[in-house]
Amino acid sequence: MGYIEEQYERYQEDETTVDASLKELFDKHGAPVQANGATTQTGEGSAPSSQDIVKVSAALKLVEAIRRDGHLAADIYAVGGFDRPDAELLEPETYGTSKEELEQLPAEWVWPEANVKLENAWQAIQTLKERYAGTLSFEYEHVHNENERSWLRDRVESGSFNVNLSNEERKQLLYRLVEVENFEHFLAKTFVAQKRFSIEGLDVMVPMLDKMIQGAAGDHIQHVMMGMAHRGRLNVLAHVLGKPYEKIFSEFNHSPEKELMPSEGSQGINYGWTGDVKYHFGAKREVKNGDDKHSTRVTLSHNPSHLEFVNPVVQGFTRAAQDYREEPGNSVIDEDAALGVLIHGDAAFIGEGVVAETLNLSDLEGYRSGGTVHIIANNLVGFTTNRKDGRSTRYASDLAKGFEIPIMHVNADDPEACLSAMALAYEYRQKFHKDVLIDLVGYRRFGHNEMDEPRATQPRLYNEIDEHPTVADVYGERLLKQEVIEDGELDEYKEKVTSNLNDIYNSMKEEETHEPDVQSRPQGVERSLQEFDTVVELDRLKALNEQMLKRPEGFNGFKKLEKILQKRQNMLEEGNKVDWATAEALAFATILEEGQPIRVTGQDTQRGTFAHRHMVLHDVETGETYCPLHGIEQAKASFDIFNSPLSEAGVLGFEYGYSVHSQETLVIWEAQFGDFANAGQVIFDQFVSSGRAKWNEQSNMVFLLPHGYEGQGPEHSSARLERFLQLAAENNWTVANVTSAAQYFHLLRRQSAISCKEEERPLVLMTPKSLLRNQRVASAADEFTESGFHTIVRQPGLTKEKKKDKEKVETLLLGSGKIMVDIEDRTEKEEASFEKVDAVRVEQIYPFPKEKLKEIMKEYPKLKELVWVQEEPQNMGSWYFVEGILYNLLGEGQIHRYVGRPHRASPSVGEPNIHKTEQNRIIQEALQISKGGNAQ
């Protein structure tokens, strides 16, 4: 009674704040009246008794339980539903009422929005159960936006989203299911004991994708970007992407001595020169929507076996397809230009952290892509691991609740319910431009890879599966009972599909191929990048620099910062030098002036981790922001710079995907510290370093990794340069560690110049921290205007005389990055002239400039040794990469050796004083200061 009285008080204050059924009760009867335990009949105009109110309250609680927890009793498991909890929350007795009492209440009291004629509350309860606890069920109470939640409730309870198929469309759906099933059967029989990761048990996923693509094409969405792991991938490639059966058959290579050759005209999908296994490849397809003006391109991303790591890559594809970048300022997003679709495994969705990282991007300014349709291909098991061992949540989809994503659970054995789920998911995405998730609950008919025996670890589940008919048989039986098809028609469908597959297979040729040909790399991959011109005229640089120092009228900048930034005005004048941050800004400005868009992201990147960049300024009074690069009048393309969330793997994958789809954009990701890039190692390993060789996926992305030993400990010193060098081969990327602002300027401009060309490749750049403000790194104006990037530069400061006497040099030091600047500092302070020692800085470590170094070595007729100097431990850094290269450059009697830290487990020490001692020892040993007269 207290609850009802509280609701009545709320009703008096604002009648819209109470449930509609209570509002109707109060409208009709007024204030609730305590009946002193007596039963009072409720007539027109009379007050309801306490018993009446208790009954209505109980009924309303039951209705809310059905809406909130109807999924607990839903018929969503074709098999394997034996671990489900009891659904007592959906029983009237739980709320102190019964069927008989509910039959006495009007239906409109508990469900006033019902769109069907109902006799009483019991019928309302049963109808709501059908809509919330059938083969399709819903979870959306965690969506806090009232508008979205009301919209979802209306759609679910009205049933307006349900597909109503004609008999002919049902027959087409059945035929599609037969195509999916018999394709798997054909592969199993023809290519015995070969992995295919079949879709069987989740066959309906193919017509669901058909449904969504049909909707996207009808709405003139230009791109549908898809990502999925290998479960069902061959089937999706064949039937959704249109990859020719012949091409798929040829990739099975059924005989070790023969190769199946596709028939003429079907081999139209090309990959990189090393290739990949067949169930990792992606594909593209153009889908017409009935007119000649519009088509929708469906793209399935290439994906490694790292399952969910394709998620952010696809999101990057999607955002790149949505951004309009041809005007100055920020790019403009059109969320209806592209649609992202991600198909997850049930164990992987909840188990892999990159999923959460990617979901977190969905509503961030720099990363949102207008809503992604997620499908969990739920086969109830992860490889051999049962659900209870694979997650701490009831459903695999529960992770999505934290991001307020509506969830639909649907039984994969009910194709029409599955299509309805897809229809609702697509409609929600289009209306609200937010993520939505379908938990497609089916099973996996065989083991993880068809050669695996699942009955050893899931005996109970596979007893059910062994006895369970396929979805084509289940749906065929249903249509037979409804007299949609005739007896024997399903068998005719199966015979027709199998006959077609046999005909295609038999038409293929077999050719002798004892030694399969290895594809050659494109010519551009083999070429050096030195031919690209990156110099810029001085007047042009000055004009751009001047424009970046202007501010909008009325903008109140932070005075201390503005004072620092205004110092950039004279950096290009004679006698002055340009620091690192200004060189970067000038590079960006010239690239924008030339019409190439730029996208820069990373943790704290707008300001810069080390407070050096300041590319987004904040008004101290209003909080409004201004980007100086948006004030360049000559700019012909967009410039985006976003602070990323605290994520490496997710953001790295997103930016890589963006760079692949939009090769004309210079995409840059900066690590907060280079050490943190290791949290995105899968993206570097499986996508960035090898994507072109495996899949012909081109990218010119730039990775800025702050690197350098300054006594700040193990996680703030090393970007793990050695890992990138270990992955370096076939000119797959450039790895550099430069020591001047001009070098950085030219590298950025070179990356811009190779965009959309065969020479295109990523750039991994070790960037400075303390050196950002070191005048030894700053560059004179002529270094920007007269010469480009140098793979090797001369080390300054190793002689007190004007010119080095190379006849006396016996030791040539080689190194890169901060250690060489430290050596420059030390030699300036020493009185020795270091006649027997000279040094060069290797600014580009991969591809290693060995021809240039060979020429330099010839300048020293008495050269005895090459000494590689590095600040990283010996088992890290560049040493093991360059050791063999240097050995092959040695002449007769010459040696090469290493100077640096010994082998270590940790990248650096954690105590600053110990670091200083180590650093001093390395420099002394390199310069031979401790060896008496040797340095003289």
Foldseek 3Di string as FASTA:
>chain_A
DVVLQVLLVVCVVPVVVDDPLSSVLCVFANHADEPVPDADDDDGNHHHYPVVVLLLVLLQQLLVCCQAPLQLQAPQALFDPPPGDDPCSNASVVSPDHLVSQLPAACCSRPVPAPDDDNTVSRNSVLSSCLARYLKHWHQPLQPPPVLVVVVVCCSRHVPLFDDDDLVVLVVLLLQLLLLVLVVVVCCVPQPPFFQLHQFFQSLVQVLLVLLQLVLQVLQQAEEQEEFAQNHQVSCCCRVAVQDPQVLVQLSQRDLFKTWDADPPRPDADFFLVADRPSQFKHWHWAHNPDPPGIHIYIYHRHDNVTPLLLLLSLLLLQLQQWAWQAAAATDGDLSNYAYEYEHELLCCQQPPLNVVQLVQCPDPVRHRQEYEYEHSYAQADQQHGPVVRDPDPGSCPSCSVSSAMEMRHHSLDSSVSNSVSSVQSVSSVVRSHYHYYYHHTHRLQGSGNVDHRCVRPVPRNVSSVPRDTSSVSSVVVCCVVVSDDPPVSVVSNVVSNVVSVVSSVPIDMDGPNDDDRDDADPLLVDDLQVDDQFDDLVVLLLLLVLLLDDPPPFAFDVVVNVVSVVQNCQQPPPHFAFQQSLVSSLVLVLQLVRFEEEEEEAVVCCALQRRHVQWTARPPPRDIDGSSSRGPSGRTYYHYYYRPPAQSSVLSSQLSNQQNCLSYAYEYEYSALLVNVRNVCCVQVPQLCRCNHGVRFGAYEYEHAADDQLADQSRHHNQLQVVLVSDDSSQEWEFFAQASQLVSQVSSSSNVCRPHSNGHYYYYHDHRVSSPPPSRTGHNCSRHPDHHDQKAWQPQLAPDPDAPLQQAAEEEEEHHDLSVVLNVVSNVDPFGQNHYTYMYRGIPVVGPLVVVLVVVVSRPNHAEYEYADAWECVTDCNVVCVVVVVVSDDPNHYYYYAYHHDDPGRDDNGSVVSVVRSVVSSCVNCVVVVPPNRD
